[in-house]
């Protein structure tokens, strides 16, 4: 009895960079894969509808970008896709190692950068098709360790920011907007000495030694000053 030929692997591409997605899709189709580009330009598309489309399509592998334009951070799709039994290969323009580790921590099989050769993407899909590991355990664990370290550092920064008084938060917000101590004093109708004292208190609570470092820490965790 003749064995039925295996069905081609089904792949979905979730990426808002049309040229990149089309190039990858055409290359993979020429290799015999069935490829679906999930349309992110639909004004009604949401992360939930994108996820549902991928799952309903019964794909085995998803090539996922992290920057999905108006749909936001693609990282939040990794865990539900992996939970549905889909192999997630992140293909991103970000070279941040901790961010790559966070993708792996959430269940991605591997992370590729968009600057890699196209044949590397194809080779990765081929390895996924053949049930092979997509990266070494040591590299995977090292990247996940970086992600966990980053999460802890971010948590600590946020805890310190929460210890600031409302006035200190307002001063930090002004520093983030590029205002100098003199300008902050003038707009607040207080002396420069008062503002400098407030800045020193901010530095002490944040355990940092410069205004630049404090501003960088606040931006790092996406902090915003209180409104109103």
N, C-alpha and C. Protein backbone atom coordinates (compact mmCIF):
# COMPACT_ATOMS: atom_id res chain seq x y z
N UNK A 1 0.85 -1.19 0.00
CA UNK A 1 0.00 0.00 0.00
C UNK A 1 0.89 1.25 0.00
N UNK A 2 0.59 2.16 -0.93
CA UNK A 2 1.40 3.37 -1.04
C UNK A 2 1.07 4.34 0.08
N UNK A 3 2.11 4.83 0.72
CA UNK A 3 1.93 5.79 1.81
C UNK A 3 1.58 7.16 1.24
N UNK A 4 0.56 7.79 1.83
CA UNK A 4 0.14 9.11 1.36
C UNK A 4 1.24 10.13 1.64
N UNK A 5 1.46 11.03 0.70
CA UNK A 5 2.50 12.03 0.92
C UNK A 5 2.15 12.94 2.10
N UNK A 6 3.18 13.34 2.83
CA UNK A 6 2.95 14.21 3.98
C UNK A 6 2.46 15.57 3.52
N UNK A 7 1.54 16.13 4.28
CA UNK A 7 1.04 17.46 3.96
C UNK A 7 2.12 18.49 4.27
N UNK A 8 2.22 19.51 3.44
CA UNK A 8 3.26 20.53 3.70
C UNK A 8 2.99 21.26 5.01
N UNK A 9 4.08 21.64 5.67
CA UNK A 9 3.94 22.39 6.92
C UNK A 9 3.23 23.72 6.65
N UNK A 10 2.33 24.06 7.56
CA UNK A 10 1.59 25.31 7.46
C UNK A 10 2.27 26.36 8.35
N UNK A 11 2.52 27.52 7.79
CA UNK A 11 3.24 28.59 8.49
C UNK A 11 2.43 29.88 8.39
N UNK A 12 2.39 30.62 9.47
CA UNK A 12 1.78 31.95 9.45
C UNK A 12 2.86 32.99 9.72
N UNK A 13 2.71 34.14 9.08
CA UNK A 13 3.63 35.26 9.30
C UNK A 13 2.82 36.41 9.89
N UNK A 14 3.25 36.86 11.06
CA UNK A 14 2.60 38.00 11.73
C UNK A 14 3.63 39.12 11.78
N UNK A 15 3.53 40.04 10.84
CA UNK A 15 4.54 41.09 10.70
C UNK A 15 3.91 42.24 9.93
N UNK A 16 4.09 43.47 10.42
CA UNK A 16 3.49 44.62 9.73
C UNK A 16 4.40 45.21 8.67
N UNK A 17 5.61 44.66 8.52
CA UNK A 17 6.51 45.11 7.46
C UNK A 17 6.21 44.28 6.21
N UNK A 18 5.41 44.85 5.32
CA UNK A 18 4.86 44.10 4.19
C UNK A 18 5.95 43.53 3.29
N UNK A 19 6.93 44.33 2.94
CA UNK A 19 7.98 43.86 2.02
C UNK A 19 8.72 42.68 2.61
N UNK A 20 9.09 42.78 3.89
CA UNK A 20 9.81 41.69 4.54
C UNK A 20 8.94 40.44 4.58
N UNK A 21 7.68 40.60 5.00
CA UNK A 21 6.78 39.45 5.12
C UNK A 21 6.55 38.77 3.78
N UNK A 22 6.36 39.57 2.73
CA UNK A 22 6.12 38.99 1.40
C UNK A 22 7.36 38.26 0.90
N UNK A 23 8.52 38.81 1.15
CA UNK A 23 9.77 38.16 0.70
C UNK A 23 9.94 36.81 1.38
N UNK A 24 9.70 36.77 2.70
CA UNK A 24 9.82 35.52 3.44
C UNK A 24 8.77 34.53 2.96
N UNK A 25 7.54 35.00 2.75
CA UNK A 25 6.46 34.11 2.32
C UNK A 25 6.77 33.48 0.96
N UNK A 26 7.22 34.29 0.00
CA UNK A 26 7.54 33.77 -1.33
C UNK A 26 8.66 32.74 -1.28
N UNK A 27 9.67 33.02 -0.46
CA UNK A 27 10.79 32.09 -0.33
C UNK A 27 10.34 30.77 0.27
N UNK A 28 9.55 30.84 1.32
CA UNK A 28 9.08 29.61 1.98
C UNK A 28 8.12 28.82 1.07
N UNK A 29 7.29 29.53 0.33
CA UNK A 29 6.39 28.84 -0.60
C UNK A 29 7.18 28.12 -1.69
N UNK A 30 8.29 28.71 -2.12
CA UNK A 30 9.12 28.06 -3.13
C UNK A 30 9.78 26.80 -2.57
N UNK A 31 9.86 26.72 -1.23
CA UNK A 31 10.42 25.54 -0.58
C UNK A 31 9.35 24.48 -0.31
N UNK A 32 8.11 24.78 -0.68
CA UNK A 32 7.04 23.79 -0.54
C UNK A 32 6.15 23.96 0.68
N UNK A 33 6.35 25.03 1.45
CA UNK A 33 5.52 25.27 2.64
C UNK A 33 4.23 25.98 2.25
N UNK A 34 3.21 25.79 3.05
CA UNK A 34 1.96 26.53 2.89
C UNK A 34 2.03 27.73 3.84
N UNK A 35 2.00 28.91 3.28
CA UNK A 35 2.24 30.12 4.08
C UNK A 35 1.03 31.04 4.05
N UNK A 36 0.68 31.54 5.22
CA UNK A 36 -0.39 32.54 5.32
C UNK A 36 0.15 33.79 5.99
N UNK A 37 0.02 34.91 5.31
CA UNK A 37 0.34 36.20 5.91
C UNK A 37 -0.92 36.74 6.55
N UNK A 38 -0.88 36.93 7.85
CA UNK A 38 -2.05 37.45 8.56
C UNK A 38 -2.09 38.97 8.38
N UNK A 39 -3.20 39.46 7.85
CA UNK A 39 -3.32 40.87 7.51
C UNK A 39 -3.46 41.73 8.76
N UNK A 40 -2.48 42.59 8.97
CA UNK A 40 -2.51 43.50 10.12
C UNK A 40 -3.02 44.89 9.73
N UNK A 41 -3.26 45.10 8.43
CA UNK A 41 -3.73 46.41 7.98
C UNK A 41 -5.23 46.59 8.16
N UNK A 42 -5.95 45.50 8.42
CA UNK A 42 -7.39 45.58 8.66
C UNK A 42 -7.65 46.48 9.86
N UNK A 43 -8.45 47.54 9.69
CA UNK A 43 -8.69 48.46 10.82
C UNK A 43 -9.38 47.80 12.00
N UNK A 44 -10.00 46.65 11.76
CA UNK A 44 -10.69 45.94 12.84
C UNK A 44 -9.80 44.90 13.52
N UNK A 45 -8.57 44.76 13.02
CA UNK A 45 -7.66 43.76 13.58
C UNK A 45 -7.24 44.16 14.99
N UNK A 46 -7.19 43.17 15.87
CA UNK A 46 -6.71 43.35 17.24
C UNK A 46 -5.78 42.18 17.55
N UNK A 47 -4.99 42.27 18.61
CA UNK A 47 -4.17 41.11 18.98
C UNK A 47 -5.01 39.84 19.14
N UNK A 48 -6.23 39.98 19.67
CA UNK A 48 -7.10 38.81 19.87
C UNK A 48 -7.53 38.19 18.55
N UNK A 49 -7.87 39.04 17.56
CA UNK A 49 -8.29 38.48 16.27
C UNK A 49 -7.12 37.87 15.53
N UNK A 50 -5.94 38.47 15.67
CA UNK A 50 -4.74 37.90 15.04
C UNK A 50 -4.44 36.53 15.64
N UNK A 51 -4.52 36.43 16.96
CA UNK A 51 -4.30 35.15 17.63
C UNK A 51 -5.32 34.11 17.16
N UNK A 52 -6.57 34.50 17.12
CA UNK A 52 -7.63 33.57 16.71
C UNK A 52 -7.42 33.09 15.28
N UNK A 53 -7.00 33.99 14.40
CA UNK A 53 -6.76 33.61 13.01
C UNK A 53 -5.63 32.59 12.90
N UNK A 54 -4.57 32.81 13.65
CA UNK A 54 -3.44 31.88 13.62
C UNK A 54 -3.85 30.50 14.12
N UNK A 55 -4.61 30.46 15.20
CA UNK A 55 -5.02 29.17 15.78
C UNK A 55 -5.99 28.46 14.84
N UNK A 56 -6.97 29.20 14.30
CA UNK A 56 -7.95 28.58 13.39
C UNK A 56 -7.29 28.07 12.11
N UNK A 57 -6.19 28.69 11.71
CA UNK A 57 -5.52 28.28 10.48
C UNK A 57 -4.74 26.98 10.64
N UNK A 58 -4.70 26.48 11.87
CA UNK A 58 -4.00 25.21 12.15
C UNK A 58 -2.55 25.24 11.68
N UNK A 59 -1.89 26.36 11.91
CA UNK A 59 -0.48 26.46 11.51
C UNK A 59 0.38 25.75 12.55
N UNK A 60 1.53 25.31 12.10
CA UNK A 60 2.47 24.64 13.01
C UNK A 60 3.56 25.57 13.50
N UNK A 61 3.86 26.58 12.70
CA UNK A 61 4.90 27.55 13.06
C UNK A 61 4.40 28.95 12.75
N UNK A 62 4.70 29.88 13.64
CA UNK A 62 4.41 31.29 13.39
C UNK A 62 5.72 32.06 13.41
N UNK A 63 5.94 32.86 12.37
CA UNK A 63 7.05 33.81 12.36
C UNK A 63 6.48 35.13 12.85
N UNK A 64 6.94 35.58 14.00
CA UNK A 64 6.31 36.70 14.70
C UNK A 64 7.26 37.87 14.88
N UNK A 65 6.82 39.04 14.45
CA UNK A 65 7.57 40.27 14.74
C UNK A 65 7.12 40.78 16.09
N UNK A 66 7.96 41.58 16.74
CA UNK A 66 7.59 42.15 18.04
C UNK A 66 6.93 43.51 17.90
N UNK A 67 7.31 44.25 16.89
CA UNK A 67 6.73 45.57 16.66
C UNK A 67 5.62 45.45 15.62
N UNK A 68 4.37 45.44 16.10
CA UNK A 68 3.24 45.23 15.19
C UNK A 68 2.49 46.52 14.91
N UNK A 69 3.21 47.64 14.90
CA UNK A 69 2.57 48.91 14.57
C UNK A 69 1.48 49.26 15.56
N UNK A 70 0.30 49.59 15.06
CA UNK A 70 -0.78 50.03 15.94
C UNK A 70 -1.29 48.90 16.85
N UNK A 71 -0.94 47.65 16.53
CA UNK A 71 -1.36 46.54 17.39
C UNK A 71 -0.43 46.35 18.57
N UNK A 72 0.65 47.13 18.60
CA UNK A 72 1.51 47.12 19.79
C UNK A 72 2.56 46.03 19.80
N UNK A 73 2.87 45.57 20.99
CA UNK A 73 3.96 44.63 21.22
C UNK A 73 3.53 43.20 20.92
N UNK A 74 4.18 42.60 19.93
CA UNK A 74 3.84 41.23 19.57
C UNK A 74 4.23 40.21 20.62
N UNK A 75 5.04 40.62 21.61
CA UNK A 75 5.48 39.67 22.63
C UNK A 75 4.32 39.05 23.39
N UNK A 76 3.23 39.83 23.53
CA UNK A 76 2.10 39.29 24.30
C UNK A 76 1.38 38.16 23.57
N UNK A 77 1.71 37.94 22.30
CA UNK A 77 1.11 36.82 21.56
C UNK A 77 1.88 35.52 21.75
N UNK A 78 3.12 35.61 22.26
CA UNK A 78 3.96 34.42 22.32
C UNK A 78 3.35 33.34 23.21
N UNK A 79 3.01 33.68 24.44
CA UNK A 79 2.50 32.67 25.38
C UNK A 79 1.24 31.98 24.89
N UNK A 80 0.20 32.74 24.42
CA UNK A 80 -1.00 32.03 23.94
C UNK A 80 -0.76 31.20 22.69
N UNK A 81 0.12 31.66 21.81
CA UNK A 81 0.44 30.85 20.62
C UNK A 81 1.13 29.55 21.03
N UNK A 82 2.11 29.67 21.94
CA UNK A 82 2.83 28.48 22.41
C UNK A 82 1.89 27.54 23.14
N UNK A 83 0.96 28.10 23.92
CA UNK A 83 0.00 27.27 24.66
C UNK A 83 -0.92 26.51 23.71
N UNK A 84 -1.12 27.06 22.51
CA UNK A 84 -1.95 26.39 21.50
C UNK A 84 -1.17 25.33 20.73
N UNK A 85 0.09 25.12 21.10
CA UNK A 85 0.90 24.10 20.46
C UNK A 85 1.59 24.56 19.19
N UNK A 86 1.65 25.86 18.99
CA UNK A 86 2.27 26.43 17.79
C UNK A 86 3.72 26.81 18.11
N UNK A 87 4.63 26.44 17.24
CA UNK A 87 6.02 26.82 17.41
C UNK A 87 6.22 28.28 17.03
N UNK A 88 6.69 29.08 17.96
CA UNK A 88 6.86 30.51 17.71
C UNK A 88 8.32 30.82 17.44
N UNK A 89 8.58 31.38 16.26
CA UNK A 89 9.91 31.87 15.92
C UNK A 89 9.81 33.38 15.81
N UNK A 90 10.44 34.08 16.74
CA UNK A 90 10.40 35.54 16.72
C UNK A 90 11.44 36.05 15.73
N UNK A 91 11.00 36.94 14.84
CA UNK A 91 11.91 37.57 13.88
C UNK A 91 11.76 39.07 14.09
N UNK A 92 12.76 39.68 14.68
CA UNK A 92 12.63 41.06 15.15
C UNK A 92 13.79 41.95 14.73
N UNK A 93 13.54 43.23 14.71
CA UNK A 93 14.60 44.18 14.44
C UNK A 93 15.35 44.57 15.70
N UNK A 94 14.85 44.14 16.85
CA UNK A 94 15.49 44.48 18.12
C UNK A 94 16.67 43.55 18.40
N UNK A 95 17.78 44.17 18.81
CA UNK A 95 18.95 43.36 19.15
C UNK A 95 19.16 43.24 20.65
N UNK A 96 18.19 43.72 21.45
CA UNK A 96 18.34 43.69 22.90
C UNK A 96 18.32 42.24 23.40
N UNK A 97 19.40 41.85 24.06
CA UNK A 97 19.53 40.46 24.48
C UNK A 97 18.49 40.08 25.55
N UNK A 98 18.25 41.00 26.49
CA UNK A 98 17.26 40.70 27.54
C UNK A 98 15.87 40.54 26.93
N UNK A 99 15.56 41.33 25.92
CA UNK A 99 14.25 41.22 25.24
C UNK A 99 14.14 39.89 24.51
N UNK A 100 15.23 39.46 23.91
CA UNK A 100 15.23 38.14 23.27
C UNK A 100 15.01 37.05 24.32
N UNK A 101 15.65 37.22 25.48
CA UNK A 101 15.47 36.24 26.55
C UNK A 101 14.05 36.20 27.05
N UNK A 102 13.39 37.35 27.11
CA UNK A 102 11.99 37.39 27.55
C UNK A 102 11.09 36.64 26.56
N UNK A 103 11.40 36.76 25.27
CA UNK A 103 10.65 35.99 24.27
C UNK A 103 10.77 34.49 24.53
N UNK A 104 11.99 34.05 24.82
CA UNK A 104 12.22 32.63 25.10
C UNK A 104 11.52 32.21 26.39
N UNK A 105 11.57 33.08 27.39
CA UNK A 105 10.92 32.77 28.67
C UNK A 105 9.42 32.57 28.48
N UNK A 106 8.85 33.29 27.54
CA UNK A 106 7.41 33.20 27.29
C UNK A 106 7.03 32.03 26.39
N UNK A 107 8.05 31.34 25.85
CA UNK A 107 7.74 30.13 25.09
C UNK A 107 8.18 30.11 23.64
N UNK A 108 8.85 31.16 23.17
CA UNK A 108 9.35 31.14 21.79
C UNK A 108 10.42 30.06 21.62
N UNK A 109 10.46 29.46 20.45
CA UNK A 109 11.46 28.43 20.17
C UNK A 109 12.85 29.02 19.94
N UNK A 110 12.87 30.18 19.29
CA UNK A 110 14.13 30.88 19.06
C UNK A 110 13.81 32.30 18.65
N UNK A 111 14.84 33.15 18.59
CA UNK A 111 14.68 34.54 18.17
C UNK A 111 15.71 34.83 17.10
N UNK A 112 15.26 35.33 15.95
CA UNK A 112 16.13 35.73 14.87
C UNK A 112 16.05 37.25 14.71
N UNK A 113 17.15 37.87 14.31
CA UNK A 113 17.11 39.31 14.02
C UNK A 113 16.90 39.48 12.52
N UNK A 114 16.23 40.57 12.16
CA UNK A 114 15.87 40.76 10.76
C UNK A 114 17.07 41.05 9.87
N UNK A 115 18.21 41.29 10.47
CA UNK A 115 19.41 41.50 9.67
C UNK A 115 20.06 40.18 9.25
N UNK A 116 19.53 39.07 9.74
CA UNK A 116 20.11 37.76 9.38
C UNK A 116 19.77 37.45 7.92
N UNK A 117 20.57 36.62 7.26
CA UNK A 117 20.28 36.25 5.87
C UNK A 117 18.95 35.50 5.78
N UNK A 118 18.26 35.65 4.66
CA UNK A 118 16.97 35.00 4.47
C UNK A 118 17.10 33.49 4.56
N UNK A 119 18.23 32.96 4.09
CA UNK A 119 18.40 31.50 4.14
C UNK A 119 18.45 30.98 5.58
N UNK A 120 18.82 31.86 6.53
CA UNK A 120 18.82 31.44 7.94
C UNK A 120 17.40 31.27 8.45
N UNK A 121 16.50 32.13 7.99
CA UNK A 121 15.09 31.98 8.36
C UNK A 121 14.55 30.66 7.80
N UNK A 122 14.87 30.39 6.55
CA UNK A 122 14.41 29.15 5.91
C UNK A 122 14.99 27.93 6.62
N UNK A 123 16.26 27.99 6.97
CA UNK A 123 16.90 26.87 7.66
C UNK A 123 16.26 26.64 9.03
N UNK A 124 15.88 27.72 9.70
CA UNK A 124 15.23 27.59 11.01
C UNK A 124 13.88 26.92 10.87
N UNK A 125 13.12 27.31 9.86
CA UNK A 125 11.81 26.69 9.62
C UNK A 125 11.98 25.21 9.28
N UNK A 126 13.01 24.91 8.51
CA UNK A 126 13.27 23.52 8.13
C UNK A 126 13.59 22.67 9.37
N UNK A 127 14.37 23.23 10.28
CA UNK A 127 14.69 22.51 11.52
C UNK A 127 13.43 22.31 12.38
N UNK A 128 12.57 23.32 12.37
CA UNK A 128 11.31 23.18 13.11
C UNK A 128 10.45 22.09 12.50
N UNK A 129 10.42 22.03 11.18
CA UNK A 129 9.66 20.99 10.47
C UNK A 129 10.17 19.60 10.82
N UNK A 130 11.49 19.48 10.96
CA UNK A 130 12.10 18.18 11.22
C UNK A 130 12.14 17.83 12.71
N UNK A 131 11.58 18.72 13.55
CA UNK A 131 11.53 18.45 14.98
C UNK A 131 12.85 18.63 15.69
N UNK A 132 13.76 19.42 15.11
CA UNK A 132 15.06 19.64 15.72
C UNK A 132 15.04 20.87 16.63
N UNK A 133 15.94 20.93 17.57
CA UNK A 133 16.04 22.10 18.44
C UNK A 133 16.54 23.29 17.62
N UNK A 134 16.08 24.46 17.98
CA UNK A 134 16.39 25.64 17.19
C UNK A 134 17.51 26.49 17.79
N UNK A 135 17.92 26.18 19.01
CA UNK A 135 19.06 26.86 19.61
C UNK A 135 19.60 25.99 20.73
N UNK A 136 20.84 26.22 21.10
CA UNK A 136 21.45 25.38 22.13
C UNK A 136 20.84 25.69 23.49
N UNK A 137 20.74 24.67 24.35
CA UNK A 137 20.20 24.90 25.71
C UNK A 137 20.99 25.95 26.48
N UNK A 138 22.31 25.97 26.31
CA UNK A 138 23.14 26.94 27.04
C UNK A 138 22.81 28.37 26.62
N UNK A 139 22.68 28.58 25.32
CA UNK A 139 22.36 29.93 24.84
C UNK A 139 20.97 30.33 25.32
N UNK A 140 20.05 29.40 25.27
CA UNK A 140 18.68 29.68 25.70
C UNK A 140 18.64 30.09 27.18
N UNK A 141 19.31 29.31 28.01
CA UNK A 141 19.31 29.60 29.45
C UNK A 141 20.01 30.92 29.76
N UNK A 142 21.07 31.23 29.03
CA UNK A 142 21.78 32.48 29.26
C UNK A 142 20.90 33.68 28.93
N UNK A 143 20.17 33.59 27.85
CA UNK A 143 19.30 34.69 27.46
C UNK A 143 18.13 34.84 28.43
N UNK A 144 17.58 33.72 28.88
CA UNK A 144 16.49 33.78 29.85
C UNK A 144 16.98 34.38 31.16
N UNK A 145 18.20 34.04 31.56
CA UNK A 145 18.78 34.62 32.78
C UNK A 145 18.90 36.13 32.65
N UNK A 146 19.28 36.63 31.47
CA UNK A 146 19.36 38.07 31.25
C UNK A 146 17.98 38.71 31.37
N UNK A 147 16.97 38.03 30.85
CA UNK A 147 15.61 38.55 30.92
C UNK A 147 15.14 38.64 32.36
N UNK A 148 15.43 37.63 33.15
CA UNK A 148 15.02 37.63 34.56
C UNK A 148 15.75 38.74 35.32
N UNK A 149 17.03 38.94 35.00
CA UNK A 149 17.79 40.01 35.63
C UNK A 149 17.19 41.36 35.28
N UNK A 150 16.82 41.53 34.02
CA UNK A 150 16.20 42.79 33.57
C UNK A 150 14.88 43.03 34.30
N UNK A 151 14.07 41.98 34.43
CA UNK A 151 12.79 42.11 35.13
C UNK A 151 13.00 42.55 36.57
N UNK A 152 14.01 42.01 37.23
CA UNK A 152 14.29 42.37 38.61
C UNK A 152 14.76 43.81 38.72
N UNK A 153 15.61 44.23 37.79
CA UNK A 153 16.10 45.60 37.82
C UNK A 153 14.96 46.59 37.56
N UNK A 154 14.09 46.26 36.63
CA UNK A 154 12.94 47.13 36.34
C UNK A 154 12.02 47.21 37.56
N UNK A 155 11.79 46.07 38.21
CA UNK A 155 10.95 46.05 39.41
C UNK A 155 11.54 46.96 40.48
N UNK A 156 12.86 46.90 40.66
CA UNK A 156 13.51 47.71 41.68
C UNK A 156 13.41 49.20 41.36
N UNK A 157 13.59 49.55 40.09
CA UNK A 157 13.48 50.96 39.70
C UNK A 157 12.06 51.47 39.95
N UNK A 158 11.08 50.68 39.60
CA UNK A 158 9.68 51.10 39.81
C UNK A 158 9.37 51.25 41.30
N UNK A 159 9.92 50.36 42.11
CA UNK A 159 9.71 50.47 43.56
C UNK A 159 10.30 51.78 44.08
N UNK A 160 11.49 52.13 43.61
CA UNK A 160 12.12 53.37 44.05
C UNK A 160 11.34 54.60 43.56
N UNK A 161 10.83 54.54 42.35
CA UNK A 161 10.04 55.65 41.83
C UNK A 161 8.77 55.86 42.66
N UNK A 162 8.19 54.77 43.12
CA UNK A 162 6.98 54.87 43.93
C UNK A 162 7.25 55.51 45.29
N UNK A 163 8.52 55.52 45.72
CA UNK A 163 8.87 56.10 47.02
C UNK A 163 8.99 57.63 46.95
N UNK A 164 8.98 58.20 45.74
CA UNK A 164 9.09 59.65 45.60
C UNK A 164 7.80 60.33 46.05
N UNK A 165 7.94 61.51 46.62
CA UNK A 165 6.76 62.31 46.93
C UNK A 165 6.17 62.84 45.63
N UNK A 166 4.94 63.34 45.70
CA UNK A 166 4.32 63.87 44.48
C UNK A 166 5.16 65.02 43.91
N UNK A 167 5.66 65.89 44.79
CA UNK A 167 6.47 67.01 44.31
C UNK A 167 7.75 66.52 43.64
N UNK A 168 8.37 65.50 44.21
CA UNK A 168 9.57 64.94 43.59
C UNK A 168 9.26 64.32 42.24
N UNK A 169 8.08 63.69 42.14
CA UNK A 169 7.67 63.14 40.84
C UNK A 169 7.49 64.25 39.81
N UNK A 170 6.92 65.38 40.25
CA UNK A 170 6.73 66.50 39.34
C UNK A 170 8.08 67.05 38.87
N UNK A 171 9.03 67.14 39.79
CA UNK A 171 10.36 67.63 39.43
C UNK A 171 11.03 66.66 38.46
N UNK A 172 10.91 65.36 38.74
CA UNK A 172 11.49 64.37 37.83
C UNK A 172 10.85 64.45 36.46
N UNK A 173 9.53 64.65 36.43
CA UNK A 173 8.85 64.81 35.15
C UNK A 173 9.38 66.00 34.36
N UNK A 174 9.67 67.10 35.07
CA UNK A 174 10.22 68.28 34.42
C UNK A 174 11.63 68.01 33.89
N UNK A 175 12.43 67.28 34.66
CA UNK A 175 13.76 66.91 34.20
C UNK A 175 13.69 66.04 32.95
N UNK A 176 12.73 65.13 32.93
CA UNK A 176 12.55 64.26 31.77
C UNK A 176 12.15 65.07 30.53
N UNK A 177 11.45 66.18 30.76
CA UNK A 177 11.05 67.04 29.64
C UNK A 177 12.16 67.97 29.20
N UNK A 178 13.31 67.89 29.88
CA UNK A 178 14.47 68.68 29.48
C UNK A 178 14.62 70.00 30.20
N UNK A 179 13.80 70.24 31.23
CA UNK A 179 13.89 71.51 31.95
C UNK A 179 15.10 71.52 32.88
N UNK A 180 15.74 72.68 33.01
CA UNK A 180 16.84 72.87 33.94
C UNK A 180 16.30 73.26 35.31
N UNK A 181 17.14 73.13 36.34
CA UNK A 181 16.72 73.46 37.70
C UNK A 181 16.17 74.89 37.76
N UNK A 182 16.84 75.83 37.09
CA UNK A 182 16.40 77.23 37.11
C UNK A 182 14.99 77.35 36.54
N UNK A 183 14.72 76.65 35.44
CA UNK A 183 13.40 76.72 34.82
C UNK A 183 12.33 76.11 35.71
N UNK A 184 12.68 75.01 36.38
CA UNK A 184 11.72 74.37 37.28
C UNK A 184 11.39 75.29 38.45
N UNK A 185 12.42 75.94 38.98
CA UNK A 185 12.21 76.87 40.10
C UNK A 185 11.32 78.03 39.67
N UNK A 186 11.58 78.57 38.48
CA UNK A 186 10.80 79.71 38.01
C UNK A 186 9.34 79.32 37.80
N UNK A 187 9.09 78.18 37.14
CA UNK A 187 7.71 77.78 36.85
C UNK A 187 6.96 77.38 38.12
N UNK A 188 7.68 76.94 39.16
CA UNK A 188 7.05 76.52 40.42
C UNK A 188 7.00 77.63 41.45
N UNK A 189 7.61 78.76 41.11
CA UNK A 189 7.68 79.92 42.01
C UNK A 189 8.33 79.52 43.34
N UNK A 190 9.47 78.87 43.25
CA UNK A 190 10.27 78.52 44.43
C UNK A 190 11.71 78.85 44.11
N UNK A 191 12.57 78.80 45.10
CA UNK A 191 13.98 79.11 44.88
C UNK A 191 14.69 77.94 44.21
N UNK A 192 15.79 78.26 43.55
CA UNK A 192 16.60 77.20 42.95
C UNK A 192 17.13 76.26 44.02
N UNK A 193 17.45 76.80 45.19
CA UNK A 193 17.96 75.97 46.28
C UNK A 193 16.94 74.91 46.68
N UNK A 194 15.68 75.29 46.66
CA UNK A 194 14.61 74.33 47.00
C UNK A 194 14.56 73.20 45.98
N UNK A 195 14.64 73.57 44.71
CA UNK A 195 14.59 72.55 43.66
C UNK A 195 15.82 71.65 43.74
N UNK A 196 16.98 72.24 44.01
CA UNK A 196 18.19 71.42 44.11
C UNK A 196 18.08 70.43 45.28
N UNK A 197 17.47 70.85 46.35
CA UNK A 197 17.26 69.95 47.48
C UNK A 197 16.33 68.80 47.07
N UNK A 198 15.30 69.13 46.31
CA UNK A 198 14.37 68.10 45.83
C UNK A 198 15.07 67.13 44.89
N UNK A 199 15.94 67.66 44.04
CA UNK A 199 16.69 66.80 43.12
C UNK A 199 17.61 65.86 43.90
N UNK A 200 18.27 66.40 44.92
CA UNK A 200 19.15 65.57 45.74
C UNK A 200 18.37 64.45 46.42
N UNK A 201 17.16 64.76 46.87
CA UNK A 201 16.32 63.74 47.50
C UNK A 201 15.95 62.65 46.48
N UNK A 202 15.65 63.08 45.25
CA UNK A 202 15.32 62.11 44.19
C UNK A 202 16.51 61.18 43.94
N UNK A 203 17.69 61.75 43.83
CA UNK A 203 18.89 60.96 43.58
C UNK A 203 19.13 59.96 44.72
N UNK A 204 18.92 60.41 45.95
CA UNK A 204 19.14 59.53 47.10
C UNK A 204 18.16 58.37 47.09
N UNK A 205 16.89 58.67 46.84
CA UNK A 205 15.87 57.61 46.85
C UNK A 205 16.06 56.64 45.69
N UNK A 206 16.54 57.15 44.55
CA UNK A 206 16.75 56.30 43.38
C UNK A 206 18.10 55.58 43.44
N UNK A 207 18.95 55.99 44.42
CA UNK A 207 20.29 55.42 44.58
C UNK A 207 21.12 55.59 43.31
N UNK A 208 21.04 56.81 42.76
CA UNK A 208 21.79 57.16 41.56
C UNK A 208 22.55 58.46 41.82
N UNK A 209 23.52 58.75 40.97
CA UNK A 209 24.42 59.87 41.27
C UNK A 209 24.27 61.06 40.33
N UNK A 210 23.39 60.98 39.34
CA UNK A 210 23.26 62.11 38.42
C UNK A 210 21.82 62.24 37.93
N UNK A 211 21.48 63.46 37.53
CA UNK A 211 20.15 63.70 36.96
C UNK A 211 19.95 62.87 35.69
N UNK A 212 21.00 62.78 34.88
CA UNK A 212 20.91 62.02 33.63
C UNK A 212 20.58 60.56 33.90
N UNK A 213 21.21 59.99 34.92
CA UNK A 213 20.97 58.58 35.25
C UNK A 213 19.53 58.37 35.73
N UNK A 214 19.01 59.32 36.50
CA UNK A 214 17.64 59.21 37.00
C UNK A 214 16.65 59.30 35.83
N UNK A 215 16.88 60.26 34.95
CA UNK A 215 16.00 60.40 33.79
C UNK A 215 16.05 59.13 32.93
N UNK A 216 17.26 58.59 32.73
CA UNK A 216 17.39 57.36 31.95
C UNK A 216 16.67 56.20 32.58
N UNK A 217 16.74 56.08 33.92
CA UNK A 217 16.05 54.99 34.63
C UNK A 217 14.54 55.11 34.47
N UNK A 218 14.03 56.35 34.57
CA UNK A 218 12.58 56.55 34.44
C UNK A 218 12.11 56.18 33.04
N UNK A 219 12.87 56.59 32.03
CA UNK A 219 12.50 56.23 30.65
C UNK A 219 12.61 54.72 30.44
N UNK A 220 13.58 54.11 31.06
CA UNK A 220 13.81 52.67 30.88
C UNK A 220 12.59 51.86 31.27
N UNK A 221 11.89 52.28 32.32
CA UNK A 221 10.74 51.50 32.80
C UNK A 221 9.41 52.09 32.33
N UNK A 222 9.48 53.10 31.45
CA UNK A 222 8.25 53.67 30.91
C UNK A 222 7.45 54.48 31.92
N UNK A 223 8.16 55.11 32.86
CA UNK A 223 7.48 55.88 33.92
C UNK A 223 7.01 57.22 33.39
N UNK A 224 5.87 57.68 33.90
CA UNK A 224 5.34 58.99 33.57
C UNK A 224 4.98 59.73 34.84
N UNK A 225 5.21 61.04 34.89
CA UNK A 225 4.86 61.81 36.09
C UNK A 225 3.35 61.91 36.26
N UNK A 226 2.89 62.20 37.48
CA UNK A 226 1.44 62.33 37.72
C UNK A 226 0.86 63.49 36.93
N UNK A 227 -0.37 63.32 36.50
CA UNK A 227 -1.05 64.37 35.73
C UNK A 227 -2.01 65.14 36.62
N UNK A 228 -2.11 66.43 36.38
CA UNK A 228 -3.07 67.24 37.11
C UNK A 228 -2.63 67.61 38.51
